[in-house]
């Protein structure tokens, strides 16, 4: 079976993108157009942060309303990701991808022309929901169609896309807001999605193959509702709590999240015992690659989310740089993250788990040097002084991130690829939110007294997380040359 599938992929790689898609394969152009589709929603999560002051001035929004502009997108995104993977498995991943992309473009247009903050919040929720349906189809298609080195490289490129989108979101957001095109202020940060999204839509319809699970299952309504309620009860107070002063309902909501999470587990376990395929199959979550890898992806995301948040505030508020310069400051990390992600599949295939440990150590060294530079030279810290340490951070992150994504999906059956992808990205998204809510709150509490040491204290926690990941990499499945030899090596 592997020989037949590999032969089909080899033939598809020699065809035109459209012909390859019709043959059930994925041309390199198809890989990149799927990544472009994923890039927009990920970038949109970060691009809005730099525009909040302009939105406030334009729409006269309250502080809690501005938080909901961010939280509405993030909560809808996180709660529907697993459902998005299930829908793609059942109804066809290309169909769901294209439909979700249409919805995302229309929601972006609605955001760009919003007349008041209520309309903007509603449109952002729709944006997040459509993004949740779109994103899982990318990894699931890679998991279903590609093999060996091509799959590993595509997944690594997805990881690179995630990291680059976060930085580009800040860069593009700062640039567009500063440009104030035709007096439109913040609106172009959403309107830019429309022409790009339409282009991706037209090309994707021709170059993305139509795949679905060979064993489609029904929608697990009780599990979906409980899981969505659990994440909502967790992420809303974590997002809104700090700006509102942690009122009583935030603590009640967090307590409810624990109860709802336990109820979700019980319902899903019983559904699987009855022979059904629940939204979150416990048997899949118990696979070694999932149970170990997901914990590490979550921990990594907590540190990454916190870093992006506190570094931007440190540069903009502490060093008094504008949003555009804040994005440029982190560019060395982004460039090395992208370059390292391209090399990661071959390095991991050759050196296995040791490559992940080495990546964690490089990141740890970069973070330590960055803290040293900031604390020793504060407040006279130039962008060039931070470039070297940030480059090390990006290089180390790329190896660790690519390996973790590869590990999580390693044991997941192809017909459950959508579920596995949805769970993976949900944990990643939840980790980002938790990192901002916890370590970001620590930074905001300490920042008024000493910005440099507030940054250092947060990074000491992140360094502890990275050190644990360096050790924990030994528990992940082995990466061998045989894994990547199953299919011809074709650049994606």
Protein backbone atom coordinates (compact mmCIF):
# COMPACT_ATOMS: atom_id res chain seq x y z
CA UNK A 1 0.00 0.00 0.00
CA UNK A 2 2.82 2.38 0.87
CA UNK A 3 4.56 1.63 -2.45
CA UNK A 4 1.37 2.35 -4.43
CA UNK A 5 0.73 5.58 -2.52
CA UNK A 6 4.34 6.70 -2.86
CA UNK A 7 4.22 6.00 -6.58
CA UNK A 8 1.05 8.08 -6.90
CA UNK A 9 2.69 10.99 -5.07
CA UNK A 10 5.77 10.73 -7.27
CA UNK A 11 3.60 10.92 -10.42
CA UNK A 12 1.55 13.79 -9.00
CA UNK A 13 4.71 15.83 -8.30
CA UNK A 14 5.55 15.72 -12.04
CA UNK A 15 2.10 16.98 -13.08
CA UNK A 16 0.80 20.54 -13.20
CA UNK A 17 -0.72 21.78 -9.90
CA UNK A 18 -4.27 21.36 -11.23
CA UNK A 19 -3.62 17.92 -12.71
CA UNK A 20 -1.89 16.79 -9.50
CA UNK A 21 -4.94 17.86 -7.47
CA UNK A 22 -7.31 15.99 -9.79
CA UNK A 23 -5.12 12.89 -9.40
CA UNK A 24 -5.42 13.13 -5.63
CA UNK A 25 -1.90 14.46 -5.07
CA UNK A 26 -0.58 17.75 -3.77
CA UNK A 27 1.81 19.75 -5.94
CA UNK A 28 4.33 22.04 -4.15
CA UNK A 29 2.14 24.96 -5.31
CA UNK A 30 -0.76 23.35 -3.45
CA UNK A 31 1.30 23.17 -0.28
CA UNK A 32 2.11 26.87 -0.43
CA UNK A 33 -1.45 27.95 -1.23
CA UNK A 34 -2.72 25.98 1.77
CA UNK A 35 -0.06 27.68 3.90
CA UNK A 36 -1.18 31.05 2.52
CA UNK A 37 -4.73 30.24 3.57
CA UNK A 38 -3.52 29.40 7.07
CA UNK A 39 -1.32 32.50 7.22
CA UNK A 40 -4.23 34.97 7.11
CA UNK A 41 -6.15 33.81 10.22
CA UNK A 42 -2.95 33.39 12.26
CA UNK A 43 -1.74 36.85 11.26
CA UNK A 44 -5.16 38.31 12.03
CA UNK A 45 -4.91 37.11 15.62
CA UNK A 46 -1.85 39.30 16.17
CA UNK A 47 -2.44 42.20 13.78
CA UNK A 48 -5.27 43.71 15.83
CA UNK A 49 -3.19 44.35 18.95
CA UNK A 50 -1.30 47.30 17.47
CA UNK A 51 -4.53 48.90 16.21
CA UNK A 52 -6.44 48.98 19.51
CA UNK A 53 -5.62 52.63 20.34
CA UNK A 54 -6.79 53.72 16.87
CA UNK A 55 -9.97 51.64 17.18
CA UNK A 56 -10.60 53.26 20.55
CA UNK A 57 -10.18 56.76 19.12
CA UNK A 58 -12.37 56.00 16.11
CA UNK A 59 -15.23 54.04 17.67
CA UNK A 60 -15.04 55.39 21.26
CA UNK A 61 -14.88 51.86 22.65
CA UNK A 62 -14.59 51.01 26.33
CA UNK A 63 -11.63 49.04 27.66
CA UNK A 64 -13.73 45.89 28.05
CA UNK A 65 -15.07 46.28 24.48
CA UNK A 66 -11.54 46.52 23.14
CA UNK A 67 -10.67 43.34 25.03
CA UNK A 68 -13.65 41.63 23.40
CA UNK A 69 -12.33 42.61 19.97
CA UNK A 70 -9.39 40.32 20.79
CA UNK A 71 -11.19 37.79 22.98
CA UNK A 72 -14.16 37.30 20.64
CA UNK A 73 -11.84 36.16 17.87
CA UNK A 74 -9.63 34.03 20.12
CA UNK A 75 -12.42 32.24 21.96
CA UNK A 76 -14.40 31.41 18.79
CA UNK A 77 -11.17 30.28 17.17
CA UNK A 78 -10.12 27.97 19.99
CA UNK A 79 -13.54 26.47 20.75
CA UNK A 80 -14.38 25.42 17.18
CA UNK A 81 -11.02 24.11 15.96
CA UNK A 82 -11.68 20.46 16.76
CA UNK A 83 -15.16 20.67 15.24
CA UNK A 84 -13.55 22.17 12.12
CA UNK A 85 -11.29 19.15 11.83
CA UNK A 86 -14.26 16.79 12.21
CA UNK A 87 -16.28 18.61 9.52
CA UNK A 88 -13.36 18.39 7.10
CA UNK A 89 -12.98 14.67 7.75
CA UNK A 90 -16.67 14.10 7.01
CA UNK A 91 -17.62 16.56 4.28
CA UNK A 92 -14.31 17.01 2.47
CA UNK A 93 -11.36 19.12 3.49
CA UNK A 94 -11.17 21.19 0.30
CA UNK A 95 -14.89 22.00 0.49
CA UNK A 96 -14.65 23.10 4.12
CA UNK A 97 -11.42 25.02 3.46
CA UNK A 98 -12.95 26.96 0.56
CA UNK A 99 -16.24 27.61 2.36
CA UNK A 100 -14.48 28.78 5.51
CA UNK A 101 -12.21 31.03 3.46
CA UNK A 102 -15.25 32.70 1.86
CA UNK A 103 -16.68 33.28 5.33
CA UNK A 104 -13.37 34.66 6.61
CA UNK A 105 -13.10 37.12 3.70
CA UNK A 106 -16.67 38.36 4.22
CA UNK A 107 -16.14 38.70 7.97
CA UNK A 108 -12.92 40.64 7.32
CA UNK A 109 -14.85 42.98 5.05
CA UNK A 110 -17.47 43.46 7.77
CA UNK A 111 -14.71 44.27 10.29
CA UNK A 112 -13.18 46.81 7.91
CA UNK A 113 -16.44 48.73 7.41
CA UNK A 114 -17.81 48.34 10.98
CA UNK A 115 -19.66 51.46 12.09
CA UNK A 116 -19.51 50.77 15.83
CA UNK A 117 -17.66 48.52 18.23
CA UNK A 118 -20.60 46.11 18.61
CA UNK A 119 -20.55 45.33 14.89
CA UNK A 120 -16.77 44.96 15.02
CA UNK A 121 -16.97 42.47 17.91
CA UNK A 122 -19.64 40.43 16.13
CA UNK A 123 -17.63 40.35 12.91
CA UNK A 124 -14.51 39.33 14.84
CA UNK A 125 -16.39 36.39 16.37
CA UNK A 126 -17.42 35.26 12.88
CA UNK A 127 -13.80 35.72 11.75
CA UNK A 128 -12.61 33.47 14.56
CA UNK A 129 -15.26 30.83 13.85
CA UNK A 130 -14.43 30.65 10.14
CA UNK A 131 -10.70 30.60 10.93
CA UNK A 132 -11.34 27.59 13.17
CA UNK A 133 -13.00 25.74 10.30
CA UNK A 134 -10.23 26.67 7.86
CA UNK A 135 -7.01 25.99 9.78
CA UNK A 136 -7.42 22.25 10.59
CA UNK A 137 -7.92 21.42 6.92
CA UNK A 138 -4.34 22.46 6.18
CA UNK A 139 -2.58 20.04 8.52
CA UNK A 140 -5.17 17.32 7.88
CA UNK A 141 -4.59 17.56 4.10
CA UNK A 142 -0.83 17.34 4.62
CA UNK A 143 -1.35 14.35 6.92
CA UNK A 144 -3.65 12.58 4.46
CA UNK A 145 -1.93 13.28 1.13
CA UNK A 146 1.79 13.62 1.84
CA UNK A 147 4.27 11.07 3.14
CA UNK A 148 7.71 10.87 4.65
CA UNK A 149 10.02 13.78 4.02
CA UNK A 150 7.39 15.78 2.11
CA UNK A 151 4.94 15.55 5.01
CA UNK A 152 7.61 16.41 7.56
CA UNK A 153 8.72 19.42 5.53
CA UNK A 154 5.15 20.63 4.99
CA UNK A 155 4.41 20.39 8.71
CA UNK A 156 7.65 22.23 9.46
CA UNK A 157 6.65 24.95 6.99
CA UNK A 158 3.31 25.21 8.78
CA UNK A 159 5.21 25.79 12.01
CA UNK A 160 7.33 28.43 10.29
CA UNK A 161 4.18 30.04 8.90
CA UNK A 162 2.71 30.25 12.40
CA UNK A 163 5.77 32.00 13.77
CA UNK A 164 6.21 34.33 10.80
CA UNK A 165 2.50 35.26 10.81
CA UNK A 166 2.77 36.41 14.42
CA UNK A 167 5.62 38.77 13.61
CA UNK A 168 4.25 39.90 10.24
CA UNK A 169 0.97 40.68 11.97
CA UNK A 170 2.75 43.21 14.17
CA UNK A 171 4.82 44.59 11.28
CA UNK A 172 1.94 44.95 8.82
CA UNK A 173 -0.43 46.20 11.50
CA UNK A 174 1.99 48.92 12.56
CA UNK A 175 2.71 49.87 8.95
CA UNK A 176 -0.95 50.08 7.88
CA UNK A 177 -2.08 51.99 10.96
CA UNK A 178 0.84 54.42 10.66
CA UNK A 179 0.17 54.95 6.94
CA UNK A 180 -3.45 55.99 7.65
CA UNK A 181 -4.39 55.28 4.02
CA UNK A 182 -6.98 57.83 2.82
CA UNK A 183 -7.78 58.58 6.44
CA UNK A 184 -9.01 55.04 7.07
CA UNK A 185 -6.87 54.59 10.20
CA UNK A 186 -7.14 50.96 11.43
CA UNK A 187 -9.57 49.64 8.81
CA UNK A 188 -6.96 48.41 6.26
CA UNK A 189 -5.69 45.81 8.75
CA UNK A 190 -8.92 43.91 8.05
CA UNK A 191 -9.58 45.00 4.47
CA UNK A 192 -6.18 43.69 3.34
CA UNK A 193 -7.55 40.18 3.89
CA UNK A 194 -10.13 40.62 1.13
CA UNK A 195 -7.97 40.72 -2.03
CA UNK A 196 -5.47 38.23 -0.62
CA UNK A 197 -8.24 35.88 0.47
CA UNK A 198 -9.97 36.03 -2.91
CA UNK A 199 -6.68 35.21 -4.67
CA UNK A 200 -6.04 32.24 -2.37
CA UNK A 201 -9.64 31.09 -2.90
CA UNK A 202 -9.37 31.09 -6.70
CA UNK A 203 -6.03 29.27 -6.76
CA UNK A 204 -6.92 26.79 -4.00
CA UNK A 205 -10.02 25.68 -5.91
CA UNK A 206 -7.69 24.42 -8.67
CA UNK A 207 -4.62 23.09 -6.84
CA UNK A 208 -5.92 21.55 -3.56
CA UNK A 209 -7.07 17.91 -3.82
CA UNK A 210 -10.48 16.86 -2.53
CA UNK A 211 -9.80 14.60 0.45
CA UNK A 212 -11.91 13.29 3.29
CA UNK A 213 -11.80 10.50 5.83
CA UNK A 214 -12.46 7.00 4.53
CA UNK A 215 -14.36 6.37 7.76
CA UNK A 216 -16.53 9.48 8.23
CA UNK A 217 -18.24 9.80 11.59
CA UNK A 218 -21.13 11.88 12.85
CA UNK A 219 -20.92 15.14 14.73
CA UNK A 220 -20.60 14.63 18.48
CA UNK A 221 -23.06 17.32 19.62
CA UNK A 222 -22.79 16.76 23.42
CA UNK A 223 -19.00 16.64 23.27
CA UNK A 224 -18.84 19.69 21.01
CA UNK A 225 -21.08 21.78 23.28
CA UNK A 226 -19.26 20.74 26.46
CA UNK A 227 -15.82 21.30 24.97
CA UNK A 228 -16.79 24.73 23.63
CA UNK A 229 -18.28 25.65 27.02
CA UNK A 230 -15.10 24.50 28.79
CA UNK A 231 -12.79 26.60 26.64
CA UNK A 232 -15.11 29.60 26.78
CA UNK A 233 -15.29 29.41 30.57
CA UNK A 234 -11.48 29.21 30.68
CA UNK A 235 -10.38 31.70 28.04
CA UNK A 236 -12.89 34.53 28.55
CA UNK A 237 -11.91 35.27 32.17
CA UNK A 238 -8.21 34.79 31.38
CA UNK A 239 -8.51 37.33 28.55
CA UNK A 240 -10.80 39.83 30.28
CA UNK A 241 -9.78 39.36 33.93
CA UNK A 242 -6.79 41.69 34.14
CA UNK A 243 -8.43 44.69 32.44
CA UNK A 244 -11.58 44.33 34.57
CA UNK A 245 -9.75 43.86 37.86
CA UNK A 246 -10.68 40.19 38.22
CA UNK A 247 -14.33 40.53 39.34
CA UNK A 248 -16.09 37.65 41.06
CA UNK A 249 -17.55 36.19 37.86
CA UNK A 250 -14.08 35.54 36.43
CA UNK A 251 -13.23 33.24 39.34
CA UNK A 252 -16.63 31.55 39.12
CA UNK A 253 -16.05 30.99 35.41
CA UNK A 254 -12.62 29.45 36.00
CA UNK A 255 -14.13 27.08 38.59
CA UNK A 256 -16.86 26.19 36.10
CA UNK A 257 -14.19 25.42 33.50
CA UNK A 258 -12.78 22.70 35.76
CA UNK A 259 -16.22 21.12 36.24
CA UNK A 260 -17.05 21.37 32.54
CA UNK A 261 -13.68 19.88 31.61
CA UNK A 262 -14.31 16.88 33.86
CA UNK A 263 -17.80 16.48 32.40
CA UNK A 264 -16.37 16.60 28.87
CA UNK A 265 -13.94 13.80 29.67
CA UNK A 266 -16.65 11.59 31.17
CA UNK A 267 -19.04 12.14 28.25
CA UNK A 268 -16.33 11.49 25.65
CA UNK A 269 -15.12 8.35 27.42
CA UNK A 270 -18.62 6.90 27.64
CA UNK A 271 -19.30 7.73 23.98
CA UNK A 272 -16.19 5.83 22.93
CA UNK A 273 -17.15 2.88 25.13
CA UNK A 274 -20.47 2.74 23.25
CA UNK A 275 -18.54 2.34 20.00
CA UNK A 276 -19.01 5.93 18.85
CA UNK A 277 -16.24 8.28 17.72
CA UNK A 278 -16.42 11.30 20.03
CA UNK A 279 -15.10 14.77 19.30
CA UNK A 280 -12.03 14.08 21.45
CA UNK A 281 -11.47 10.30 21.38
CA UNK A 282 -9.69 9.33 24.62
CA UNK A 283 -7.99 6.46 22.78
CA UNK A 284 -6.42 8.92 20.34
CA UNK A 285 -5.37 11.26 23.13
CA UNK A 286 -3.71 8.30 24.86
CA UNK A 287 -1.46 7.59 21.86
CA UNK A 288 2.14 8.15 23.01
CA UNK A 289 2.74 10.84 20.41
CA UNK A 290 -0.41 12.74 21.42
CA UNK A 291 -0.27 12.37 25.20
CA UNK A 292 3.37 13.45 25.45
CA UNK A 293 3.59 15.79 22.48
CA UNK A 294 0.46 17.79 23.30
CA UNK A 295 1.71 18.58 26.80
CA UNK A 296 4.96 19.85 25.34
CA UNK A 297 3.24 21.86 22.57
CA UNK A 298 1.03 23.45 25.20
CA UNK A 299 4.01 24.36 27.40
CA UNK A 300 5.94 25.71 24.41
CA UNK A 301 2.95 27.85 23.40
CA UNK A 302 2.58 29.29 26.90
CA UNK A 303 6.17 30.53 26.73
CA UNK A 304 5.89 31.75 23.12
CA UNK A 305 2.65 33.63 23.73
CA UNK A 306 4.06 35.32 26.81
CA UNK A 307 7.29 36.24 25.04
CA UNK A 308 5.55 37.88 22.08
CA UNK A 309 3.36 39.88 24.44
CA UNK A 310 5.96 41.10 26.93
CA UNK A 311 8.67 41.76 24.32
CA UNK A 312 6.33 44.01 22.32
CA UNK A 313 5.38 45.94 25.47
CA UNK A 314 9.00 46.19 26.60
CA UNK A 315 10.12 47.66 23.27
CA UNK A 316 7.13 49.96 22.77
CA UNK A 317 6.40 51.13 26.32
CA UNK A 318 9.81 50.66 27.90
CA UNK A 319 12.09 51.75 25.06
CA UNK A 320 9.42 54.08 23.59
CA UNK A 321 9.57 52.62 20.08
CA UNK A 322 6.47 52.77 17.87
CA UNK A 323 4.54 49.68 16.75
CA UNK A 324 6.43 49.40 13.47
CA UNK A 325 9.84 49.55 15.16
CA UNK A 326 8.59 47.03 17.70
CA UNK A 327 7.88 44.61 14.87
CA UNK A 328 11.25 45.31 13.25
CA UNK A 329 12.98 44.58 16.55
CA UNK A 330 11.81 40.99 16.46
CA UNK A 331 12.65 40.48 12.78
CA UNK A 332 15.96 38.59 13.47
CA UNK A 333 14.02 36.00 15.45
CA UNK A 334 11.48 35.63 12.63
CA UNK A 335 14.13 35.21 9.94
CA UNK A 336 16.03 32.52 11.83
CA UNK A 337 12.78 30.81 12.80
CA UNK A 338 11.82 30.58 9.13
CA UNK A 339 15.27 29.44 7.96
CA UNK A 340 15.52 26.87 10.75
CA UNK A 341 12.08 25.49 9.93
CA UNK A 342 13.21 24.75 6.38
CA UNK A 343 16.20 22.77 7.66
CA UNK A 344 14.43 21.11 10.57
CA UNK A 345 12.91 18.06 8.80
CA UNK A 346 16.29 16.78 7.53
CA UNK A 347 18.08 17.59 10.78
CA UNK A 348 15.41 15.85 12.88
CA UNK A 349 15.38 12.82 10.56
CA UNK A 350 19.15 12.49 10.95
CA UNK A 351 19.65 13.29 14.64
CA UNK A 352 16.24 12.41 16.06
CA UNK A 353 15.19 13.67 19.46
CA UNK A 354 18.66 15.08 20.08
CA UNK A 355 17.86 17.80 17.54
CA UNK A 356 14.91 18.94 19.67
CA UNK A 357 17.06 19.00 22.80
CA UNK A 358 19.74 20.98 20.96
CA UNK A 359 17.11 23.43 19.71
CA UNK A 360 15.83 23.96 23.24
CA UNK A 361 19.37 24.61 24.49
CA UNK A 362 20.03 27.15 21.71
CA UNK A 363 16.77 28.92 22.57
CA UNK A 364 17.71 28.88 26.25
CA UNK A 365 21.08 30.51 25.51
CA UNK A 366 19.40 33.15 23.35
CA UNK A 367 16.88 34.04 26.05
CA UNK A 368 19.64 34.28 28.69
CA UNK A 369 21.70 36.61 26.48
CA UNK A 370 18.65 38.74 25.68
CA UNK A 371 17.85 39.21 29.36
CA UNK A 372 21.49 40.08 30.06
CA UNK A 373 21.57 42.70 27.29
CA UNK A 374 18.35 44.34 28.43
CA UNK A 375 19.10 44.41 32.16
CA UNK A 376 22.75 45.48 31.78
CA UNK A 377 22.11 48.31 29.31
CA UNK A 378 18.63 49.52 30.23
CA UNK A 379 17.27 51.95 29.09
CA UNK A 380 19.92 52.49 26.39
CA UNK A 381 19.26 49.32 24.43
CA UNK A 382 19.50 49.47 20.63
CA UNK A 383 17.78 47.11 18.23
CA UNK A 384 21.14 45.78 17.00
CA UNK A 385 22.15 44.80 20.52
CA UNK A 386 19.17 42.48 20.72
CA UNK A 387 19.52 41.04 17.19
CA UNK A 388 22.05 38.30 18.02
CA UNK A 389 20.20 36.87 21.04
CA UNK A 390 16.88 37.04 19.18
CA UNK A 391 18.39 35.17 16.23
CA UNK A 392 19.44 32.37 18.60
CA UNK A 393 15.95 32.29 20.11
CA UNK A 394 14.38 31.96 16.65
CA UNK A 395 16.79 29.26 15.50
CA UNK A 396 16.23 27.18 18.63
CA UNK A 397 12.47 27.62 18.53
CA UNK A 398 12.26 26.45 14.92
CA UNK A 399 13.87 23.09 15.66
CA UNK A 400 11.85 22.50 18.80
CA UNK A 401 8.57 23.61 17.26
CA UNK A 402 8.96 21.54 14.08
CA UNK A 403 9.84 18.45 16.07
CA UNK A 404 6.89 18.84 18.44
CA UNK A 405 4.38 19.25 15.62
CA UNK A 406 5.84 16.23 13.84
CA UNK A 407 5.72 14.17 17.01
CA UNK A 408 2.11 14.90 17.94
CA UNK A 409 0.70 13.62 14.64
CA UNK A 410 3.15 10.73 14.24
CA UNK A 411 0.83 7.98 15.57
CA UNK A 412 -2.53 9.44 14.49
CA UNK A 413 -4.32 7.30 11.85
CA UNK A 414 -4.83 9.13 8.54
CA UNK A 415 -8.64 8.94 8.81
CA UNK A 416 -8.45 10.81 12.14
CA UNK A 417 -6.03 13.44 10.81
CA UNK A 418 -8.60 16.23 11.10
CA UNK A 419 -9.30 15.42 14.74
CA UNK A 420 -5.59 15.22 15.57
CA UNK A 421 -4.86 18.50 13.78
CA UNK A 422 -7.76 20.24 15.48
CA UNK A 423 -6.69 19.10 18.95
CA UNK A 424 -3.08 20.12 18.25
CA UNK A 425 -3.95 23.65 17.14
CA UNK A 426 -6.50 24.06 19.94
CA UNK A 427 -3.84 23.27 22.53
CA UNK A 428 -1.45 25.63 20.77
CA UNK A 429 -4.02 28.44 20.74
CA UNK A 430 -5.05 27.84 24.35
CA UNK A 431 -1.39 27.87 25.40
CA UNK A 432 -0.84 31.24 23.69
CA UNK A 433 -3.84 32.70 25.54
CA UNK A 434 -2.76 31.22 28.87
CA UNK A 435 0.77 32.55 28.45
CA UNK A 436 -0.50 36.09 27.92
CA UNK A 437 -3.01 35.79 30.76
CA UNK A 438 -0.57 34.43 33.35
CA UNK A 439 2.95 35.58 32.54
CA UNK A 440 1.57 38.69 30.82
CA UNK A 441 -0.27 39.60 34.01
CA UNK A 442 2.93 39.06 36.00
CA UNK A 443 4.72 41.46 33.66
CA UNK A 444 1.97 44.10 33.92
CA UNK A 445 2.09 43.85 37.70
CA UNK A 446 5.88 44.26 37.93
CA UNK A 447 6.35 46.59 34.95
CA UNK A 448 5.44 49.92 36.61
CA UNK A 449 8.29 49.43 39.10
CA UNK A 450 11.06 48.22 36.76
CA UNK A 451 10.37 47.31 33.12
CA UNK A 452 13.69 45.56 32.48
CA UNK A 453 13.47 43.35 35.55
CA UNK A 454 9.78 42.65 34.88
CA UNK A 455 10.79 41.33 31.47
CA UNK A 456 13.62 39.34 33.04
CA UNK A 457 11.33 37.73 35.64
CA UNK A 458 8.90 36.56 32.94
CA UNK A 459 11.74 35.21 30.84
CA UNK A 460 13.17 33.29 33.80
CA UNK A 461 9.87 31.41 33.88
CA UNK A 462 10.02 30.81 30.13
CA UNK A 463 13.60 29.60 30.45
CA UNK A 464 12.40 27.10 33.04
CA UNK A 465 9.78 25.85 30.57
CA UNK A 466 12.37 25.53 27.80
CA UNK A 467 14.72 23.63 30.10
CA UNK A 468 11.94 21.15 30.89
CA UNK A 469 11.25 20.75 27.17
CA UNK A 470 14.94 20.01 26.55
CA UNK A 471 14.73 17.14 29.03
CA UNK A 472 11.23 16.04 27.98
CA UNK A 473 12.24 15.61 24.33
CA UNK A 474 13.71 12.23 25.29
CA UNK A 475 10.18 10.92 25.97
CA UNK A 476 8.95 11.61 22.42
CA UNK A 477 8.76 8.94 19.69
CA UNK A 478 12.00 8.27 17.86
CA UNK A 479 12.58 9.97 14.52
CA UNK A 480 14.39 7.66 12.15
CA UNK A 481 15.57 7.80 8.57
CA UNK A 482 13.07 5.06 7.80
CA UNK A 483 10.24 7.42 8.56
CA UNK A 484 11.27 9.79 5.87
CA UNK A 485 12.27 7.13 3.37
CA UNK A 486 8.74 6.00 2.70
CA UNK A 487 8.29 8.57 -0.04
CA UNK A 488 10.57 10.26 -2.52
CA UNK A 489 12.22 13.43 -1.28
CA UNK A 490 10.51 16.26 -3.15
CA UNK A 491 10.83 19.84 -2.09
CA UNK A 492 7.51 21.31 -1.10
